[in-house]
Protein backbone atom coordinates (compact mmCIF):
# COMPACT_ATOMS: atom_id res chain seq x y z
CA MET A 1 90.00 80.44 69.74
CA ARG A 2 89.14 76.69 69.42
CA PRO A 3 90.26 75.46 72.77
CA SER A 4 93.36 72.12 73.08
CA ARG A 5 91.17 68.56 73.10
CA VAL A 6 92.07 67.49 76.85
CA THR A 7 92.71 63.77 78.38
CA LEU A 8 89.80 61.30 78.96
CA GLU A 9 90.62 62.00 82.23
CA GLN A 10 90.31 65.97 82.51
CA ALA A 11 86.90 65.47 80.52
CA GLN A 12 85.37 63.37 83.32
CA GLU A 13 86.52 66.19 85.99
CA LEU A 14 85.80 68.93 83.94
CA PHE A 15 82.23 67.27 83.09
CA LYS A 16 82.13 66.89 87.49
CA THR A 17 82.52 70.16 88.32
CA CYS A 18 79.76 71.92 85.74
CA MET A 19 76.94 68.90 87.11
CA PRO A 20 75.07 70.69 89.88
CA VAL A 21 74.19 69.15 93.51
CA ARG A 22 72.04 66.80 93.52
CA LYS A 23 68.61 67.53 95.28
CA LYS A 24 67.44 65.63 97.93
CA GLU A 25 63.81 65.04 98.98
CA GLU A 26 62.02 62.71 101.86
CA LYS A 27 58.25 60.98 100.95
CA ARG A 28 56.61 57.82 101.02
CA SER A 29 58.62 54.89 100.31
CA ALA A 30 56.42 53.41 97.65
CA ASP A 31 56.83 56.35 95.82
CA CYS A 32 61.11 55.94 95.41
CA LEU A 33 61.33 52.75 93.22
CA GLY A 34 64.18 53.33 91.00
CA GLN A 35 65.33 56.39 93.28
CA ILE A 36 68.73 56.61 94.85
CA LEU A 37 68.57 57.20 98.40
CA ALA A 38 70.13 60.29 100.30
CA LYS A 39 69.84 58.80 103.67
CA PRO A 40 70.87 55.22 105.28
CA VAL A 41 67.99 53.66 106.34
CA TYR A 42 67.12 52.17 110.05
CA ALA A 43 64.68 49.37 110.86
CA ALA A 44 61.71 51.39 113.09
CA VAL A 45 60.24 47.80 113.54
CA THR A 46 61.54 44.36 115.08
CA GLN A 47 60.53 41.34 112.45
CA PRO A 48 58.88 39.43 112.79
CA PRO A 49 58.55 41.33 115.61
CA PHE A 50 57.26 38.16 118.01
CA PRO A 51 58.66 34.17 118.26
CA ARG A 52 56.42 32.87 115.17
CA SER A 53 56.07 29.11 113.25
CA ALA A 54 57.56 28.06 110.84
CA MET A 55 55.09 25.60 109.19
CA ASP A 56 51.99 23.93 110.49
CA GLY A 57 52.69 21.57 113.43
CA PHE A 58 53.03 21.88 116.61
CA ALA A 59 54.54 24.15 119.67
CA LEU A 60 56.08 22.48 122.69
CA ARG A 61 58.98 21.90 124.34
CA SER A 62 61.69 20.11 122.87
CA ARG A 63 62.38 18.33 125.71
CA ASP A 64 59.49 16.59 125.82
CA ILE A 65 60.01 15.66 123.29
CA CYS A 66 63.85 14.35 123.17
CA ARG A 67 63.51 10.52 123.29
CA ALA A 68 59.81 10.33 120.69
CA ASP A 69 60.83 7.23 117.24
CA ILE A 70 58.84 5.54 115.50
CA GLN A 71 58.90 2.73 117.83
CA HIS A 72 58.32 5.45 120.54
CA PRO A 73 55.95 7.76 120.19
CA VAL A 74 55.08 10.81 122.66
CA THR A 75 51.49 11.97 123.80
CA LEU A 76 50.42 15.07 124.60
CA GLU A 77 48.20 17.08 125.64
CA VAL A 78 46.68 19.53 122.89
CA THR A 79 45.60 22.87 124.94
CA GLY A 80 44.16 24.76 121.97
CA CYS A 81 45.04 25.84 118.14
CA VAL A 82 46.93 29.90 117.06
CA CYS A 83 46.45 31.11 113.75
CA ALA A 84 48.27 33.14 111.87
CA GLY A 85 47.56 37.60 112.74
CA GLN A 86 46.22 36.47 116.27
CA GLU A 87 47.80 37.32 119.98
CA THR A 88 48.31 34.24 122.07
CA GLU A 89 47.95 34.08 126.14
CA PHE A 90 49.01 30.87 125.83
CA MET A 91 51.84 29.47 128.81
CA LEU A 92 52.87 25.76 127.98
CA LYS A 93 53.46 23.37 131.17
CA PRO A 94 55.37 20.45 130.76
CA HIS A 95 54.09 17.68 127.83
CA GLN A 96 51.21 20.33 126.75
CA ALA A 97 51.57 21.13 122.50
CA VAL A 98 49.73 23.98 120.70
CA ARG A 99 48.00 23.42 117.75
CA ILE A 100 50.05 25.75 115.54
CA MET A 101 49.62 27.28 111.20
CA THR A 102 52.92 28.97 109.61
CA GLY A 103 53.36 32.93 110.80
CA ALA A 104 51.76 32.28 114.00
CA MET A 105 52.86 33.29 117.32
CA ILE A 106 54.46 30.29 118.75
CA PRO A 107 53.51 30.36 123.18
CA GLU A 108 55.23 31.90 125.75
CA GLY A 109 57.20 27.98 126.78
CA ALA A 110 57.79 26.75 123.52
CA ASP A 111 60.95 26.44 122.12
CA CYS A 112 60.12 24.69 118.59
CA VAL A 113 57.40 23.34 115.69
CA VAL A 114 57.05 19.59 115.62
CA LYS A 115 55.53 19.68 111.55
CA GLN A 116 51.79 18.38 110.59
CA GLU A 117 53.34 15.44 108.50
CA ASP A 118 55.61 14.29 111.95
CA ALA A 119 52.04 13.62 113.85
CA GLU A 120 48.80 11.98 114.81
CA TRP A 121 45.80 14.56 115.88
CA ASP A 122 42.27 14.96 117.77
CA GLU A 123 41.61 17.85 119.35
CA ARG A 124 42.21 16.45 122.40
CA ALA A 125 46.16 15.19 122.23
CA VAL A 126 49.04 14.98 119.52
CA ARG A 127 50.55 11.86 118.41
CA ILE A 128 54.46 12.95 118.35
CA TYR A 129 57.15 10.62 115.65
CA HIS A 130 60.17 12.65 115.95
CA ASN A 131 61.95 14.36 118.45
CA ALA A 132 62.36 18.24 117.23
CA LYS A 133 66.11 20.73 118.48
CA PRO A 134 65.00 23.74 120.27
CA GLY A 135 64.64 26.44 117.65
CA GLU A 136 63.43 23.80 115.59
CA ASN A 137 60.29 25.68 112.87
CA TYR A 138 60.80 28.39 115.46
CA CYS A 139 61.43 31.67 113.62
CA PRO A 140 62.55 34.16 116.81
CA ALA A 141 62.08 37.50 116.96
CA GLY A 142 64.10 39.68 115.15
CA GLU A 143 65.05 36.64 112.72
CA ASP A 144 65.66 39.19 110.08
CA PHE A 145 65.88 42.21 112.03
CA SER A 146 65.46 44.00 115.23
CA ALA A 147 64.86 47.80 115.90
CA GLY A 148 67.36 49.93 115.13
CA ASP A 149 69.16 48.15 112.86
CA LEU A 150 70.79 49.31 108.99
CA LEU A 151 68.91 48.11 106.70
CA ALA A 152 70.34 50.17 103.94
CA GLU A 153 73.16 52.65 103.66
CA ALA A 154 72.87 55.85 101.64
CA GLY A 155 73.37 55.19 97.18
CA THR A 156 71.10 52.03 97.38
CA PRO A 157 68.72 52.26 94.22
CA VAL A 158 65.98 51.79 95.50
CA ASP A 159 64.06 48.63 94.36
CA SER A 160 61.50 45.79 95.59
CA TYR A 161 63.38 43.91 98.14
CA LEU A 162 64.32 47.66 99.76
CA LEU A 163 60.85 48.98 99.19
CA ALA A 164 59.61 45.08 101.22
CA ALA A 165 61.50 45.30 103.27
CA VAL A 166 61.53 48.94 104.77
CA THR A 167 57.40 48.27 104.42
CA ALA A 168 58.05 45.27 106.46
CA ALA A 169 60.71 47.25 109.13
CA GLY A 170 57.73 50.13 109.23
CA VAL A 171 59.66 52.77 107.21
CA ARG A 172 57.30 55.22 106.04
CA ASN A 173 59.54 57.15 103.96
CA LEU A 174 62.34 57.40 102.38
CA THR A 175 64.78 60.56 101.48
CA VAL A 176 65.98 59.96 97.89
CA TYR A 177 67.50 61.88 95.37
CA LYS A 178 65.31 63.58 93.30
CA ARG A 179 65.22 62.68 89.47
CA LEU A 180 67.95 64.62 87.25
CA LYS A 181 65.97 66.25 84.60
CA ALA A 182 67.83 65.49 80.83
CA ALA A 183 66.99 67.13 77.94
CA VAL A 184 68.77 65.40 74.16
CA ILE A 185 69.04 66.78 71.14
CA THR A 186 69.05 65.15 68.02
CA THR A 187 71.53 66.58 65.75
CA GLY A 188 71.24 66.37 61.49
CA ASP A 189 68.92 66.49 58.27
CA GLU A 190 69.29 62.50 57.84
CA LEU A 191 67.46 61.40 60.28
CA GLN A 192 63.97 60.32 61.50
CA ASN A 193 61.82 59.12 63.91
CA THR A 194 60.27 55.71 63.14
CA GLU A 195 55.88 56.15 62.91
CA THR A 196 56.41 57.58 59.24
CA PRO A 197 58.20 54.61 56.35
CA LEU A 198 62.35 55.52 55.98
CA GLN A 199 62.24 58.04 52.85
CA PRO A 200 66.09 57.74 50.89
CA GLY A 201 69.08 58.27 52.64
CA LYS A 202 67.60 58.80 55.92
CA ILE A 203 67.80 56.63 59.03
CA TYR A 204 66.13 56.31 62.41
CA ASP A 205 67.78 58.71 65.38
CA ALA A 206 69.09 55.21 67.24
CA ASN A 207 71.34 57.86 69.22
CA GLY A 208 67.81 59.82 70.83
CA ILE A 209 66.43 56.79 72.18
CA TRP A 210 69.39 55.78 73.16
CA LEU A 211 70.21 58.86 75.48
CA CYS A 212 67.08 58.77 76.31
CA THR A 213 66.50 55.24 77.52
CA ARG A 214 70.08 54.58 79.01
CA LEU A 215 68.97 57.74 81.35
CA ARG A 216 65.78 56.37 82.05
CA GLU A 217 67.14 53.26 83.49
CA MET A 218 69.58 55.98 85.83
CA ASP A 219 67.11 57.52 87.06
CA CYS A 220 67.21 60.42 85.76
CA GLU A 221 63.73 62.72 84.50
CA VAL A 222 63.37 63.16 80.49
CA VAL A 223 62.32 66.02 79.97
CA ARG A 224 62.24 66.86 76.18
CA TYR A 225 63.51 64.51 73.93
CA GLN A 226 63.10 66.63 70.21
CA THR A 227 65.53 66.49 66.25
CA ALA A 228 66.67 68.98 64.93
CA GLY A 229 67.99 68.73 61.76
CA ASP A 230 71.25 70.42 60.73
CA ASP A 231 69.45 73.87 61.23
CA GLN A 232 71.03 76.84 63.49
CA SER A 233 68.10 78.78 64.45
CA LYS A 234 66.59 75.57 65.64
CA ILE A 235 68.84 74.37 67.56
CA ALA A 236 70.17 76.91 69.23
CA ASP A 237 66.01 77.75 70.05
CA GLU A 238 66.15 73.92 71.04
CA ILE A 239 68.49 74.30 74.35
CA ARG A 240 66.96 77.81 74.90
CA GLU A 241 63.62 75.95 75.32
CA ALA A 242 65.81 72.53 77.19
CA TRP A 243 66.94 75.04 80.12
CA LYS A 244 64.00 76.67 81.37
CA GLU A 245 63.77 73.02 82.70
CA ALA A 246 66.65 70.37 81.95
CA ASP A 247 68.76 70.56 85.10
CA LEU A 248 71.16 68.92 81.32
CA ILE A 249 71.07 68.74 78.18
CA LEU A 250 72.21 66.65 75.91
CA THR A 251 73.31 66.57 71.80
CA THR A 252 74.57 64.85 69.56
CA GLY A 253 75.91 65.83 65.77
CA GLY A 254 76.88 68.46 64.01
CA VAL A 255 80.26 68.75 66.80
CA SER A 256 82.97 68.68 64.08
CA VAL A 257 84.68 70.58 61.46
CA GLY A 258 82.32 69.84 58.47
CA GLU A 259 79.68 72.13 56.92
CA LYS A 260 77.07 70.66 58.71
CA ASP A 261 79.09 70.92 62.39
CA LEU A 262 77.35 73.65 64.23
CA LEU A 263 76.93 73.26 67.24
CA PRO A 264 79.98 75.50 68.33
CA GLY A 265 78.68 77.79 66.46
CA VAL A 266 75.43 77.54 68.22
CA ILE A 267 77.24 78.19 71.50
CA GLU A 268 78.64 80.47 70.79
CA ASN A 269 75.46 83.03 69.56
CA LEU A 270 74.08 81.87 72.88
CA THR A 271 77.16 83.40 74.45
CA GLY A 272 77.76 79.78 76.60
CA ASN A 273 80.85 79.20 77.69
CA VAL A 274 82.63 76.05 76.37
CA LEU A 275 85.02 74.22 79.03
CA PHE A 276 86.83 71.75 75.73
CA HIS A 277 86.41 70.70 72.84
CA GLY A 278 87.85 67.45 71.62
CA ILE A 279 89.42 64.75 73.46
CA GLN A 280 92.00 62.29 73.44
CA VAL A 281 90.50 59.63 72.89
CA LYS A 282 88.60 57.09 69.89
CA PRO A 283 85.44 57.26 69.21
CA GLY A 284 84.26 60.11 69.85
CA MET A 285 86.79 62.48 69.94
CA PRO A 286 84.72 65.96 68.13
CA THR A 287 82.62 65.83 72.17
CA MET A 288 82.84 68.92 73.39
CA LEU A 289 81.24 70.46 77.01
CA SER A 290 80.41 74.02 77.55
CA VAL A 291 78.07 75.90 79.72
CA VAL A 292 75.14 77.84 78.50
CA LYS A 293 72.21 79.81 80.83
CA GLU A 294 74.16 77.65 83.81
CA THR A 295 73.08 74.21 82.48
CA PRO A 296 75.43 71.94 81.85
CA VAL A 297 75.73 71.05 77.83
CA LEU A 298 77.39 68.41 76.90
CA SER A 299 77.83 67.60 72.60
CA LEU A 300 78.44 64.07 71.73
CA SER A 301 79.58 62.49 68.48
CA GLY A 302 77.13 61.36 65.68
CA ASN A 303 78.77 57.73 65.24
CA PRO A 304 76.21 55.76 68.50
CA PHE A 305 78.94 54.36 70.24
CA ALA A 306 81.05 58.31 70.49
CA VAL A 307 77.76 58.42 71.85
CA GLU A 308 77.45 55.86 73.62
CA ALA A 309 80.86 55.25 75.00
CA LEU A 310 81.41 59.28 75.84
CA PHE A 311 77.86 59.58 77.36
CA GLU A 312 78.60 55.88 79.57
CA VAL A 313 82.68 57.44 80.42
CA LEU A 314 81.50 60.69 81.39
CA ALA A 315 77.92 61.26 82.47
CA GLY A 316 77.70 57.36 83.85
CA GLY A 317 79.87 58.50 86.48
CA TYR A 318 77.94 61.07 88.16
CA LEU A 319 74.49 59.68 87.67
CA THR A 320 75.13 56.56 89.64
CA ASP A 321 77.15 57.78 92.10
CA MET A 322 75.28 60.49 94.10
CA GLU A 323 78.11 62.21 96.81
CA ALA A 324 80.33 58.87 96.28
CA SER A 325 78.29 56.54 98.56
CA ARG A 326 78.19 53.51 95.50
CA TYR A 327 79.65 53.57 92.82
CA LEU A 328 77.72 51.79 90.48
CA GLN A 329 80.07 51.43 87.46
CA LYS A 330 83.16 49.65 88.91
CA ASN A 331 86.89 50.46 86.93
CA GLN A 332 88.09 46.47 87.92
CA MET A 333 91.08 44.48 85.31
CA LYS A 334 89.62 41.36 83.69
CA ALA A 335 91.72 38.85 81.48
CA LEU A 336 90.88 39.29 78.21
CA LYS A 337 89.62 36.34 77.28
CA GLN A 338 90.55 36.54 73.68
CA THR A 339 93.43 38.02 70.79
CA PHE A 340 92.83 41.60 70.60
CA VAL A 341 94.38 43.88 68.51
CA LYS A 342 94.85 47.52 69.10
CA THR A 343 95.16 49.74 66.26
CA GLY A 344 95.58 53.47 66.64
CA GLU A 345 97.60 55.53 68.75
CA MET A 346 94.84 56.41 70.92
CA LYS A 347 93.07 56.31 73.61
CA ARG A 348 90.52 53.95 72.29
CA ILE A 349 87.25 52.65 73.93
CA VAL A 350 85.20 49.24 73.31
CA LYS A 351 82.35 47.44 74.39
CA GLY A 352 82.81 44.12 75.68
CA ARG A 353 80.76 41.91 77.99
CA CYS A 354 82.05 40.19 81.18
CA ASP A 355 82.22 37.33 83.55
CA GLU A 356 83.79 36.39 86.26
CA SER A 357 85.93 34.52 83.81
CA GLY A 358 87.19 37.90 82.08
CA VAL A 359 85.60 39.91 79.58
CA TYR A 360 85.23 38.75 75.38
CA LEU A 361 85.63 41.58 73.50
CA PRO A 362 84.08 41.34 69.38
CA GLN A 363 86.80 42.15 67.10
CA ILE A 364 84.64 44.32 65.03
CA GLN A 365 83.93 47.40 66.87
CA LYS A 366 83.06 49.79 64.32
CA ASN A 367 81.31 53.07 65.14
CA GLY A 368 79.17 52.21 63.29
CA GLN A 369 77.37 49.91 64.88
CA LEU A 370 74.51 48.70 66.81
CA LYS A 371 73.67 44.96 67.46
CA ASN A 372 77.08 44.61 68.52
CA GLY A 373 75.84 46.54 71.57
CA ILE A 374 73.31 44.16 72.91
CA GLY A 375 74.49 41.44 75.50
CA SER A 376 77.80 44.16 75.95
CA ASN A 377 77.88 44.81 79.50
CA CYS A 378 81.33 46.83 79.54
CA LEU A 379 83.92 48.85 78.53
CA VAL A 380 86.95 48.01 78.28
CA ILE A 381 89.75 51.40 77.52
CA PHE A 382 93.36 50.46 76.04
CA PRO A 383 96.42 52.99 77.31
CA GLU A 384 97.45 55.09 74.65
CA GLY A 385 99.57 53.48 71.28
CA GLU A 386 99.34 50.59 69.31
CA ARG A 387 99.70 47.14 70.69
CA THR A 388 98.42 43.42 70.75
CA TYR A 389 96.85 42.25 73.61
CA THR A 390 97.14 39.04 74.27
CA GLU A 391 94.61 36.12 75.88
CA GLY A 392 94.14 36.32 79.73
CA GLU A 393 96.07 40.13 79.63
CA ALA A 394 95.01 42.37 82.88
CA VAL A 395 92.34 44.69 80.76
CA ARG A 396 91.14 48.04 82.57
CA VAL A 397 87.15 48.39 82.67
CA ILE A 398 83.76 49.96 83.17
CA ARG A 399 81.10 48.12 84.32
CA ILE A 400 77.77 49.84 83.27
């Protein structure tokens, strides 16, 4: 017997319950780009580890030049030069200065750096034409962070900034979530890949490409992508192959009640357990979730926006949340930037584009459209019931 339709919220919970717990791994930090931190990261060393100069100039004691100006320059003895990467043992005495380069260690006794443009000098002496305050052009040890400081919480994506920070902090390894392995199987005899000229009655498989790329954006590894047509045995074979290595199988098409809607029969023949078949939402009402050989199979409608919307609201939270540390899909309330007429009694999902001022919705929201998704960065979920939403009214937005 076909399970009854569930609410969108029930579908989200059922999806989470059947997904595996994300595994963790420790690996070289440089190899973690794009993954998600599974443990917080703390600095192993202080950055900078010593006081350093912010520019080329002269390290000195600010009180020695407190009266310096254009009319009354102050002359100091130059006792040496320090370049970046050198250790210095200079100990400045009153009325002494050290020539210093950007990034170099500031000698003991100096509390500021006068930039070279404000001075005249030779090997023995420097004439200063401007006074300087303590700490001017002076980067203290630990200006960025100190050893033991928290650099990033668990749940933070590993990007170029994080890798730069942990490298400076002396962190060699990170603990991250293992990349979830996903398989994508698209169905329908009408689908064709882009390597051959488009044949009459055919369309290119945009759904498969969208799912594969979106999964990679969410730090998943796509281990298999195949088009199975409308062939029940081939669809079953593809699922059998996929469950050998995939943590999640995604299918598109074939989940409604037509002659070519083969997925329910395939899952039954594979002795899969159907958790739900049908969601009280538009688009994507026929969406089905099942478990085959302990592997979740999320079967999406064949309409492009139904694929996109239901994937985001069902799988997006799980794939980006990583055990509740940082939920990248933000549920917010945003003001509409124009009137929107919602038709139909069922809960509805539409695509949109939002910024700080509110959310804009394309007026034409057809399930087969792809072009109006370019530049979109959110979904808007309207509750049940027909009504007109006016400009300025707050609506529920999921940031993508």
